[in-house]
PDB file of N, CA and C in Angstrom:
ATOM      1  N   UNK A   1       0.826  -0.799  -0.136  1.00  0.00           N
ATOM      2  CA  UNK A   1      -0.059   0.146   0.419  1.00  0.00           C
ATOM      3  C   UNK A   1       0.611   0.862   0.222  1.00  0.00           C
ATOM      4  N   UNK A   2       0.296   2.084  -0.667  1.00  0.00           N
ATOM      5  CA  UNK A   2       0.636   3.678  -0.901  1.00  0.00           C
ATOM      6  C   UNK A   2       1.614   4.516  -0.087  1.00  0.00           C
ATOM      7  N   UNK A   3       2.283   5.222   1.551  1.00  0.00           N
ATOM      8  CA  UNK A   3       1.350   5.926   2.076  1.00  0.00           C
ATOM      9  C   UNK A   3       1.093   6.664   1.675  1.00  0.00           C
ATOM     10  N   UNK A   4       0.365   7.697   2.477  1.00  0.00           N
ATOM     11  CA  UNK A   4      -0.175   9.158   2.294  1.00  0.00           C
ATOM     12  C   UNK A   4       0.995  10.023   1.532  1.00  0.00           C
ATOM     13  N   UNK A   5       0.655  11.037   1.337  1.00  0.00           N
ATOM     14  CA  UNK A   5       1.739  12.895   1.194  1.00  0.00           C
ATOM     15  C   UNK A   5       1.887  12.947   2.481  1.00  0.00           C
ATOM     16  N   UNK A   6       0.780  12.339   2.994  1.00  0.00           N
ATOM     17  CA  UNK A   6       1.875  13.233   5.091  1.00  0.00           C
ATOM     18  C   UNK A   6       2.643  12.236   5.880  1.00  0.00           C
ATOM     19  N   UNK A   7       2.182  10.283   5.415  1.00  0.00           N
ATOM     20  CA  UNK A   7       3.352  10.037   6.179  1.00  0.00           C
ATOM     21  C   UNK A   7       4.565   9.608   5.562  1.00  0.00           C
ATOM     22  N   UNK A   8       4.897  10.769   3.820  1.00  0.00           N
ATOM     23  CA  UNK A   8       5.801  10.739   3.313  1.00  0.00           C
ATOM     24  C   UNK A   8       6.858  12.031   3.971  1.00  0.00           C
ATOM     25  N   UNK A   9       5.069  12.896   4.656  1.00  0.00           N
ATOM     26  CA  UNK A   9       5.730  14.462   4.779  1.00  0.00           C
ATOM     27  C   UNK A   9       4.971  15.017   5.575  1.00  0.00           C
ATOM     28  N   UNK A  10       5.830  15.102   6.792  1.00  0.00           N
ATOM     29  CA  UNK A  10       4.703  14.952   8.163  1.00  0.00           C
ATOM     30  C   UNK A  10       4.464  17.144   7.816  1.00  0.00           C
ATOM     31  N   UNK A  11       2.674  17.315   8.249  1.00  0.00           N
ATOM     32  CA  UNK A  11       2.877  18.907   8.050  1.00  0.00           C
ATOM     33  C   UNK A  11       3.467  19.493   9.198  1.00  0.00           C
ATOM     34  N   UNK A  12       4.480  18.436  10.593  1.00  0.00           N
ATOM     35  CA  UNK A  12       5.489  19.551  11.481  1.00  0.00           C
ATOM     36  C   UNK A  12       7.056  19.450  10.687  1.00  0.00           C
ATOM     37  N   UNK A  13       7.171  18.841   8.988  1.00  0.00           N
ATOM     38  CA  UNK A  13       7.803  19.282   8.503  1.00  0.00           C
ATOM     39  C   UNK A  13       7.715  20.561   7.409  1.00  0.00           C
ATOM     40  N   UNK A  14       7.197  20.295   6.937  1.00  0.00           N
ATOM     41  CA  UNK A  14       6.794  20.659   6.129  1.00  0.00           C
ATOM     42  C   UNK A  14       7.283  22.714   7.369  1.00  0.00           C
ATOM     43  N   UNK A  15       6.519  22.816   8.074  1.00  0.00           N
ATOM     44  CA  UNK A  15       7.012  23.671   8.863  1.00  0.00           C
ATOM     45  C   UNK A  15       8.299  24.299   9.206  1.00  0.00           C
ATOM     46  N   UNK A  16       8.967  23.289   9.251  1.00  0.00           N
ATOM     47  CA  UNK A  16      10.220  23.677   9.271  1.00  0.00           C
ATOM     48  C   UNK A  16      10.849  23.261   8.565  1.00  0.00           C
ATOM     49  N   UNK A  17      10.116  23.163   6.617  1.00  0.00           N
ATOM     50  CA  UNK A  17      11.371  23.471   6.124  1.00  0.00           C
ATOM     51  C   UNK A  17      10.534  25.140   5.684  1.00  0.00           C
ATOM     52  N   UNK A  18       9.803  25.702   5.890  1.00  0.00           N
ATOM     53  CA  UNK A  18       9.213  26.828   4.913  1.00  0.00           C
ATOM     54  C   UNK A  18       9.437  28.187   6.327  1.00  0.00           C
ATOM     55  N   UNK A  19       8.476  27.680   7.502  1.00  0.00           N
ATOM     56  CA  UNK A  19       8.327  29.102   8.274  1.00  0.00           C
ATOM     57  C   UNK A  19       9.808  29.762   8.738  1.00  0.00           C
ATOM     58  N   UNK A  20       9.569  30.962   8.708  1.00  0.00           N
ATOM     59  CA  UNK A  20      10.381  32.044   8.797  1.00  0.00           C
ATOM     60  C   UNK A  20      11.670  31.773   7.520  1.00  0.00           C
ATOM     61  N   UNK A  21      11.820  30.701   6.762  1.00  0.00           N
ATOM     62  CA  UNK A  21      12.869  30.655   5.937  1.00  0.00           C
ATOM     63  C   UNK A  21      12.561  31.729   5.125  1.00  0.00           C
ATOM     64  N   UNK A  22      11.160  31.396   3.763  1.00  0.00           N
ATOM     65  CA  UNK A  22      11.189  31.916   2.271  1.00  0.00           C
ATOM     66  C   UNK A  22      10.120  32.974   2.361  1.00  0.00           C
ATOM     67  N   UNK A  23      10.189  33.923   3.800  1.00  0.00           N
ATOM     68  CA  UNK A  23       9.212  35.383   3.864  1.00  0.00           C
ATOM     69  C   UNK A  23       7.960  34.791   3.108  1.00  0.00           C
ATOM     70  N   UNK A  24       7.019  34.957   2.492  1.00  0.00           N
ATOM     71  CA  UNK A  24       5.411  34.932   2.520  1.00  0.00           C
ATOM     72  C   UNK A  24       5.181  34.005   2.367  1.00  0.00           C
ATOM     73  N   UNK A  25       5.939  32.458   1.608  1.00  0.00           N
ATOM     74  CA  UNK A  25       6.261  31.121   2.146  1.00  0.00           C
ATOM     75  C   UNK A  25       6.036  30.577   3.899  1.00  0.00           C
ATOM     76  N   UNK A  26       6.540  31.574   4.074  1.00  0.00           N
ATOM     77  CA  UNK A  26       6.107  30.590   6.007  1.00  0.00           C
ATOM     78  C   UNK A  26       5.040  31.297   6.715  1.00  0.00           C
ATOM     79  N   UNK A  27       4.749  32.590   6.186  1.00  0.00           N
ATOM     80  CA  UNK A  27       3.158  32.233   6.776  1.00  0.00           C
ATOM     81  C   UNK A  27       1.711  31.723   6.501  1.00  0.00           C
ATOM     82  N   UNK A  28       1.864  31.368   5.213  1.00  0.00           N
ATOM     83  CA  UNK A  28       1.042  30.291   4.421  1.00  0.00           C
ATOM     84  C   UNK A  28       0.211  29.106   5.486  1.00  0.00           C
ATOM     85  N   UNK A  29      -1.109  29.151   5.231  1.00  0.00           N
ATOM     86  CA  UNK A  29      -1.537  27.653   6.233  1.00  0.00           C
ATOM     87  C   UNK A  29      -0.308  26.383   5.915  1.00  0.00           C
ATOM     88  N   UNK A  30      -0.826  25.525   6.613  1.00  0.00           N
ATOM     89  CA  UNK A  30       0.815  24.039   5.940  1.00  0.00           C
ATOM     90  C   UNK A  30      -0.234  23.470   4.538  1.00  0.00           C
ATOM     91  N   UNK A  31      -1.623  23.400   4.362  1.00  0.00           N
ATOM     92  CA  UNK A  31      -2.450  22.882   3.350  1.00  0.00           C
ATOM     93  C   UNK A  31      -1.797  23.689   1.930  1.00  0.00           C
ATOM     94  N   UNK A  32      -1.457  24.873   2.538  1.00  0.00           N
ATOM     95  CA  UNK A  32      -1.078  25.842   0.640  1.00  0.00           C
ATOM     96  C   UNK A  32       0.642  25.558   0.453  1.00  0.00           C
ATOM     97  N   UNK A  33       1.119  25.255   2.053  1.00  0.00           N
ATOM     98  CA  UNK A  33       2.639  25.365   1.485  1.00  0.00           C
ATOM     99  C   UNK A  33       2.462  23.632   0.851  1.00  0.00           C
ATOM    100  N   UNK A  34       1.175  23.164   1.962  1.00  0.00           N
ATOM    101  CA  UNK A  34       1.958  21.597   0.820  1.00  0.00           C
ATOM    102  C   UNK A  34       1.497  21.323  -0.867  1.00  0.00           C
ATOM    103  N   UNK A  35       0.360  22.194  -1.136  1.00  0.00           N
ATOM    104  CA  UNK A  35       0.407  22.690  -2.629  1.00  0.00           C
ATOM    105  C   UNK A  35       0.941  23.123  -3.230  1.00  0.00           C
ATOM    106  N   UNK A  36       1.690  23.923  -2.787  1.00  0.00           N
ATOM    107  CA  UNK A  36       2.970  25.050  -3.375  1.00  0.00           C
ATOM    108  C   UNK A  36       4.654  23.476  -3.808  1.00  0.00           C
ATOM    109  N   UNK A  37       4.199  23.253  -2.692  1.00  0.00           N
ATOM    110  CA  UNK A  37       5.256  22.430  -2.828  1.00  0.00           C
ATOM    111  C   UNK A  37       4.909  20.522  -3.646  1.00  0.00           C
ATOM    112  N   UNK A  38       4.099  20.383  -4.307  1.00  0.00           N
ATOM    113  CA  UNK A  38       3.592  19.099  -4.750  1.00  0.00           C
ATOM    114  C   UNK A  38       3.080  19.615  -6.445  1.00  0.00           C
ATOM    115  N   UNK A  39       2.972  21.148  -5.998  1.00  0.00           N
ATOM    116  CA  UNK A  39       2.737  21.506  -7.571  1.00  0.00           C
ATOM    117  C   UNK A  39       4.569  21.398  -8.215  1.00  0.00           C
ATOM    118  N   UNK A  40       5.148  21.608  -7.701  1.00  0.00           N
ATOM    119  CA  UNK A  40       5.869  22.003  -7.863  1.00  0.00           C
ATOM    120  C   UNK A  40       7.672  21.267  -8.043  1.00  0.00           C
ATOM    121  N   UNK A  41       6.862  19.764  -7.327  1.00  0.00           N
ATOM    122  CA  UNK A  41       7.391  18.956  -7.254  1.00  0.00           C
ATOM    123  C   UNK A  41       6.735  17.888  -9.030  1.00  0.00           C
ATOM    124  N   UNK A  42       5.227  18.187  -9.156  1.00  0.00           N
ATOM    125  CA  UNK A  42       4.771  18.710 -10.869  1.00  0.00           C
ATOM    126  C   UNK A  42       5.684  19.488 -11.600  1.00  0.00           C
ATOM    127  N   UNK A  43       5.997  20.079 -11.561  1.00  0.00           N
ATOM    128  CA  UNK A  43       6.409  20.826 -12.984  1.00  0.00           C
ATOM    129  C   UNK A  43       8.052  19.930 -12.831  1.00  0.00           C
ATOM    130  N   UNK A  44       9.090  19.387 -11.749  1.00  0.00           N
ATOM    131  CA  UNK A  44       9.358  19.282 -11.838  1.00  0.00           C
ATOM    132  C   UNK A  44      10.108  18.045 -12.614  1.00  0.00           C
ATOM    133  N   UNK A  45       9.498  17.178 -12.435  1.00  0.00           N
ATOM    134  CA  UNK A  45       9.564  15.468 -12.853  1.00  0.00           C
ATOM    135  C   UNK A  45       9.178  15.499 -14.461  1.00  0.00           C
ATOM    136  N   UNK A  46       7.427  16.895 -14.706  1.00  0.00           N
ATOM    137  CA  UNK A  46       7.831  17.067 -16.458  1.00  0.00           C
ATOM    138  C   UNK A  46       8.775  18.090 -16.797  1.00  0.00           C
ATOM    139  N   UNK A  47      10.433  18.998 -16.100  1.00  0.00           N
ATOM    140  CA  UNK A  47      11.231  19.097 -16.552  1.00  0.00           C
ATOM    141  C   UNK A  47      11.050  21.166 -16.735  1.00  0.00           C
ATOM    142  N   UNK A  48       9.941  21.076 -15.315  1.00  0.00           N
ATOM    143  CA  UNK A  48       9.943  22.351 -15.097  1.00  0.00           C
ATOM    144  C   UNK A  48      10.767  22.850 -14.219  1.00  0.00           C
ATOM    145  N   UNK A  49      10.547  24.431 -14.606  1.00  0.00           N
ATOM    146  CA  UNK A  49      11.524  25.241 -13.339  1.00  0.00           C
ATOM    147  C   UNK A  49      10.397  26.150 -12.401  1.00  0.00           C
ATOM    148  N   UNK A  50      10.889  25.841 -10.999  1.00  0.00           N
ATOM    149  CA  UNK A  50       9.831  26.149 -10.364  1.00  0.00           C
ATOM    150  C   UNK A  50      10.217  27.481  -9.671  1.00  0.00           C
ATOM    151  N   UNK A  51      11.761  28.623  -9.728  1.00  0.00           N
ATOM    152  CA  UNK A  51      12.569  29.155  -8.779  1.00  0.00           C
ATOM    153  C   UNK A  51      13.062  28.763  -8.186  1.00  0.00           C
ATOM    154  N   UNK A  52      14.219  29.593  -7.055  1.00  0.00           N
ATOM    155  CA  UNK A  52      15.197  28.699  -6.590  1.00  0.00           C
ATOM    156  C   UNK A  52      14.246  28.715  -5.451  1.00  0.00           C
ATOM    157  N   UNK A  53      13.354  29.951  -5.218  1.00  0.00           N
ATOM    158  CA  UNK A  53      12.814  29.357  -4.060  1.00  0.00           C
ATOM    159  C   UNK A  53      12.480  28.084  -3.404  1.00  0.00           C
ATOM    160  N   UNK A  54      10.899  27.835  -4.109  1.00  0.00           N
ATOM    161  CA  UNK A  54      10.192  26.013  -4.550  1.00  0.00           C
ATOM    162  C   UNK A  54      11.659  25.230  -4.914  1.00  0.00           C
ATOM    163  N   UNK A  55      12.609  25.972  -5.161  1.00  0.00           N
ATOM    164  CA  UNK A  55      13.437  24.460  -5.682  1.00  0.00           C
ATOM    165  C   UNK A  55      13.976  24.551  -4.830  1.00  0.00           C
ATOM    166  N   UNK A  56      14.889  25.365  -2.992  1.00  0.00           N
ATOM    167  CA  UNK A  56      15.082  24.690  -2.525  1.00  0.00           C
ATOM    168  C   UNK A  56      14.701  24.559  -0.844  1.00  0.00           C
ATOM    169  N   UNK A  57      13.211  25.066  -1.241  1.00  0.00           N
ATOM    170  CA  UNK A  57      12.120  24.003  -0.631  1.00  0.00           C
ATOM    171  C   UNK A  57      12.244  22.420  -1.331  1.00  0.00           C
ATOM    172  N   UNK A  58      12.760  21.756  -2.414  1.00  0.00           N
ATOM    173  CA  UNK A  58      11.852  20.885  -2.499  1.00  0.00           C
ATOM    174  C   UNK A  58      13.615  19.832  -2.083  1.00  0.00           C
ATOM    175  N   UNK A  59      14.146  20.723  -2.029  1.00  0.00           N
ATOM    176  CA  UNK A  59      16.080  20.112  -1.868  1.00  0.00           C
ATOM    177  C   UNK A  59      15.450  19.675  -0.057  1.00  0.00           C
ATOM    178  N   UNK A  60      15.077  20.983   0.107  1.00  0.00           N
ATOM    179  CA  UNK A  60      15.368  20.201   1.456  1.00  0.00           C
ATOM    180  C   UNK A  60      15.146  19.128   2.210  1.00  0.00           C
ATOM    181  N   UNK A  61      13.341  18.975   1.131  1.00  0.00           N
ATOM    182  CA  UNK A  61      12.614  17.851   1.597  1.00  0.00           C
ATOM    183  C   UNK A  61      13.346  16.718   1.228  1.00  0.00           C
ATOM    184  N   UNK A  62      14.907  16.846   0.200  1.00  0.00           N
ATOM    185  CA  UNK A  62      14.882  15.522  -0.819  1.00  0.00           C
ATOM    186  C   UNK A  62      13.815  15.008  -1.610  1.00  0.00           C
ATOM    187  N   UNK A  63      13.257  15.686  -1.957  1.00  0.00           N
ATOM    188  CA  UNK A  63      11.913  15.098  -3.388  1.00  0.00           C
ATOM    189  C   UNK A  63      12.922  15.825  -4.935  1.00  0.00           C
ATOM    190  N   UNK A  64      13.906  16.122  -5.331  1.00  0.00           N
ATOM    191  CA  UNK A  64      14.578  16.194  -5.580  1.00  0.00           C
ATOM    192  C   UNK A  64      15.761  16.028  -6.035  1.00  0.00           C
ATOM    193  N   UNK A  65      16.320  15.451  -6.890  1.00  0.00           N
ATOM    194  CA  UNK A  65      17.839  15.947  -6.416  1.00  0.00           C
ATOM    195  C   UNK A  65      17.975  17.073  -7.551  1.00  0.00           C
ATOM    196  N   UNK A  66      19.993  17.263  -7.020  1.00  0.00           N
ATOM    197  CA  UNK A  66      20.376  18.894  -6.423  1.00  0.00           C
ATOM    198  C   UNK A  66      21.007  19.565  -7.848  1.00  0.00           C
ATOM    199  N   UNK A  67      21.080  18.149  -8.891  1.00  0.00           N
ATOM    200  CA  UNK A  67      21.815  18.446  -9.512  1.00  0.00           C
ATOM    201  C   UNK A  67      20.792  17.763 -10.652  1.00  0.00           C
ATOM    202  N   UNK A  68      20.324  18.939 -11.915  1.00  0.00           N
ATOM    203  CA  UNK A  68      19.655  18.788 -12.844  1.00  0.00           C
ATOM    204  C   UNK A  68      17.779  18.467 -12.395  1.00  0.00           C
ATOM    205  N   UNK A  69      17.563  18.790 -10.485  1.00  0.00           N
ATOM    206  CA  UNK A  69      16.323  19.274 -10.470  1.00  0.00           C
ATOM    207  C   UNK A  69      15.344  17.915 -10.689  1.00  0.00           C
ATOM    208  N   UNK A  70      15.604  16.345 -11.045  1.00  0.00           N
ATOM    209  CA  UNK A  70      15.041  15.445 -10.766  1.00  0.00           C
ATOM    210  C   UNK A  70      14.195  15.342  -9.374  1.00  0.00           C
ATOM    211  N   UNK A  71      13.231  14.672  -9.533  1.00  0.00           N
ATOM    212  CA  UNK A  71      12.731  13.707  -8.087  1.00  0.00           C
ATOM    213  C   UNK A  71      13.793  12.127  -8.558  1.00  0.00           C
ATOM    214  N   UNK A  72      13.288  12.720  -6.636  1.00  0.00           N
ATOM    215  CA  UNK A  72      14.032  10.670  -6.051  1.00  0.00           C
ATOM    216  C   UNK A  72      13.098  10.446  -6.149  1.00  0.00           C
ATOM    217  N   UNK A  73      14.324   9.169  -5.755  1.00  0.00           N
ATOM    218  CA  UNK A  73      12.878   8.071  -4.880  1.00  0.00           C
ATOM    219  C   UNK A  73      11.738   9.023  -4.105  1.00  0.00           C
ATOM    220  N   UNK A  74      12.439   9.321  -3.515  1.00  0.00           N
ATOM    221  CA  UNK A  74      11.252  10.077  -2.735  1.00  0.00           C
ATOM    222  C   UNK A  74      10.402  10.944  -2.749  1.00  0.00           C
ATOM    223  N   UNK A  75      10.308  12.275  -4.513  1.00  0.00           N
ATOM    224  CA  UNK A  75       9.511  12.552  -4.471  1.00  0.00           C
ATOM    225  C   UNK A  75       8.584  11.572  -5.852  1.00  0.00           C
ATOM    226  N   UNK A  76       9.363  10.545  -6.241  1.00  0.00           N
ATOM    227  CA  UNK A  76       8.005   9.983  -7.147  1.00  0.00           C
ATOM    228  C   UNK A  76       7.234   9.173  -5.750  1.00  0.00           C
ATOM    229  N   UNK A  77       8.057   8.371  -4.888  1.00  0.00           N
ATOM    230  CA  UNK A  77       7.359   7.752  -4.005  1.00  0.00           C
ATOM    231  C   UNK A  77       5.840   9.002  -3.562  1.00  0.00           C
ATOM    232  N   UNK A  78       5.564   9.831  -3.038  1.00  0.00           N
ATOM    233  CA  UNK A  78       4.914  10.836  -3.079  1.00  0.00           C
ATOM    234  C   UNK A  78       4.147  11.656  -4.203  1.00  0.00           C
ATOM    235  N   UNK A  79       4.887  11.487  -5.344  1.00  0.00           N
ATOM    236  CA  UNK A  79       3.299  11.738  -6.227  1.00  0.00           C
ATOM    237  C   UNK A  79       3.054  10.526  -6.847  1.00  0.00           C
ATOM    238  N   UNK A  80       3.659   9.240  -6.511  1.00  0.00           N
ATOM    239  CA  UNK A  80       2.432   7.880  -6.141  1.00  0.00           C
ATOM    240  C   UNK A  80       1.329   8.358  -5.289  1.00  0.00           C
ATOM    241  N   UNK A  81       2.003   8.716  -4.066  1.00  0.00           N
ATOM    242  CA  UNK A  81       0.656   8.711  -3.274  1.00  0.00           C
ATOM    243  C   UNK A  81      -0.004  10.607  -3.016  1.00  0.00           C
ATOM    244  N   UNK A  82       0.022  11.168  -4.360  1.00  0.00           N
ATOM    245  CA  UNK A  82      -0.597  12.064  -4.461  1.00  0.00           C
ATOM    246  C   UNK A  82      -2.703  12.062  -5.307  1.00  0.00           C
ATOM    247  N   UNK A  83      -1.234  10.997  -6.051  1.00  0.00           N
ATOM    248  CA  UNK A  83      -3.047  10.648  -7.519  1.00  0.00           C
ATOM    249  C   UNK A  83      -3.422   9.412  -6.893  1.00  0.00           C
ATOM    250  N   UNK A  84      -2.859   8.778  -5.682  1.00  0.00           N
ATOM    251  CA  UNK A  84      -3.485   7.665  -4.911  1.00  0.00           C
ATOM    252  C   UNK A  84      -5.027   7.312  -5.535  1.00  0.00           C
ATOM    253  N   UNK A  85      -5.728   7.068  -4.961  1.00  0.00           N
ATOM    254  CA  UNK A  85      -6.253   5.836  -5.470  1.00  0.00           C
ATOM    255  C   UNK A  85      -6.953   5.825  -6.946  1.00  0.00           C
ATOM    256  N   UNK A  86      -7.282   7.736  -7.436  1.00  0.00           N
ATOM    257  CA  UNK A  86      -8.012   8.511  -8.752  1.00  0.00           C
ATOM    258  C   UNK A  86      -7.008   8.167  -9.996  1.00  0.00           C
ATOM    259  N   UNK A  87      -5.429   7.164  -9.601  1.00  0.00           N
ATOM    260  CA  UNK A  87      -4.893   7.008 -10.630  1.00  0.00           C
ATOM    261  C   UNK A  87      -4.255   7.871 -11.611  1.00  0.00           C
ATOM    262  N   UNK A  88      -3.551   7.868 -12.451  1.00  0.00           N
ATOM    263  CA  UNK A  88      -3.250   8.181 -13.030  1.00  0.00           C
ATOM    264  C   UNK A  88      -4.118   8.604 -14.076  1.00  0.00           C
ATOM    265  N   UNK A  89      -4.624   7.569 -14.989  1.00  0.00           N
ATOM    266  CA  UNK A  89      -4.812   8.472 -16.332  1.00  0.00           C
ATOM    267  C   UNK A  89      -5.705   8.900 -15.391  1.00  0.00           C
ATOM    268  N   UNK A  90      -6.491   9.563 -14.150  1.00  0.00           N
ATOM    269  CA  UNK A  90      -7.970   9.645 -14.219  1.00  0.00           C
ATOM    270  C   UNK A  90      -7.112  10.879 -13.641  1.00  0.00           C
ATOM    271  N   UNK A  91      -6.295  11.308 -13.220  1.00  0.00           N
ATOM    272  CA  UNK A  91      -4.890  12.253 -12.956  1.00  0.00           C
ATOM    273  C   UNK A  91      -4.465  12.835 -14.574  1.00  0.00           C
ATOM    274  N   UNK A  92      -4.863  12.598 -14.792  1.00  0.00           N
ATOM    275  CA  UNK A  92      -3.348  13.103 -16.257  1.00  0.00           C
ATOM    276  C   UNK A  92      -5.097  13.378 -17.033  1.00  0.00           C
ATOM    277  N   UNK A  93      -6.330  12.799 -17.791  1.00  0.00           N
ATOM    278  CA  UNK A  93      -7.771  13.086 -18.234  1.00  0.00           C
ATOM    279  C   UNK A  93      -8.173  14.156 -17.413  1.00  0.00           C
ATOM    280  N   UNK A  94      -7.965  14.349 -15.999  1.00  0.00           N
ATOM    281  CA  UNK A  94      -8.655  15.644 -15.602  1.00  0.00           C
ATOM    282  C   UNK A  94      -7.505  17.001 -15.288  1.00  0.00           C
ATOM    283  N   UNK A  95      -6.073  16.720 -15.323  1.00  0.00           N
ATOM    284  CA  UNK A  95      -5.924  17.669 -16.206  1.00  0.00           C
ATOM    285  C   UNK A  95      -6.126  17.962 -17.438  1.00  0.00           C
ATOM    286  N   UNK A  96      -6.326  17.898 -18.311  1.00  0.00           N
ATOM    287  CA  UNK A  96      -6.619  18.063 -19.499  1.00  0.00           C
ATOM    288  C   UNK A  96      -7.357  18.815 -19.357  1.00  0.00           C
ATOM    289  N   UNK A  97      -8.145  18.108 -18.933  1.00  0.00           N
ATOM    290  CA  UNK A  97      -9.956  19.335 -19.100  1.00  0.00           C
ATOM    291  C   UNK A  97     -10.168  20.477 -18.054  1.00  0.00           C
ATOM    292  N   UNK A  98      -8.792  20.636 -17.064  1.00  0.00           N
ATOM    293  CA  UNK A  98      -9.295  21.596 -16.633  1.00  0.00           C
ATOM    294  C   UNK A  98      -7.857  22.613 -17.146  1.00  0.00           C
ATOM    295  N   UNK A  99      -6.898  22.454 -17.181  1.00  0.00           N
ATOM    296  CA  UNK A  99      -5.161  23.129 -17.251  1.00  0.00           C
ATOM    297  C   UNK A  99      -5.256  23.192 -18.630  1.00  0.00           C
ATOM    298  N   UNK A 100      -5.741  23.337 -19.389  1.00  0.00           N
ATOM    299  CA  UNK A 100      -5.914  23.578 -20.880  1.00  0.00           C
ATOM    300  C   UNK A 100      -6.915  23.652 -20.962  1.00  0.00           C
ATOM    301  N   UNK A 101      -9.171  23.774 -20.862  1.00  0.00           N
ATOM    302  CA  UNK A 101      -9.725  24.469 -20.665  1.00  0.00           C
ATOM    303  C   UNK A 101      -9.600  25.476 -19.513  1.00  0.00           C
ATOM    304  N   UNK A 102      -8.880  25.780 -19.293  1.00  0.00           N
ATOM    305  CA  UNK A 102      -9.222  26.407 -18.280  1.00  0.00           C
ATOM    306  C   UNK A 102     -10.562  27.027 -17.743  1.00  0.00           C
ATOM    307  N   UNK A 103     -11.003  25.336 -17.543  1.00  0.00           N
ATOM    308  CA  UNK A 103     -12.252  24.877 -16.749  1.00  0.00           C
ATOM    309  C   UNK A 103     -12.280  23.869 -15.386  1.00  0.00           C
ATOM    310  N   UNK A 104     -13.212  23.954 -14.209  1.00  0.00           N
ATOM    311  CA  UNK A 104     -12.403  23.494 -12.545  1.00  0.00           C
ATOM    312  C   UNK A 104     -13.348  22.268 -13.179  1.00  0.00           C
TER     313      UNK A 104
END
């Protein structure tokens, strides 16, 4: 069974790596910081760059490599748990209908 995202990176770890270090990122609710982390990890998977702040956060959580910014084993495991029971195909369909058409 795939662990949940909170089992891989507990809220306390998110607080420790974000609060006070990254300006506005430290003042956000943990859920919002987790969403930023997840979006940055998805961008890394697709070869996009998220900016230095998010990249630093991903490095601190050991979700991406230092060189190249590709997802690590921990990062891939986190991505799998993000999709959960929905599955990758359903997620891709959802992304296709929301991201490209602007619908939600």
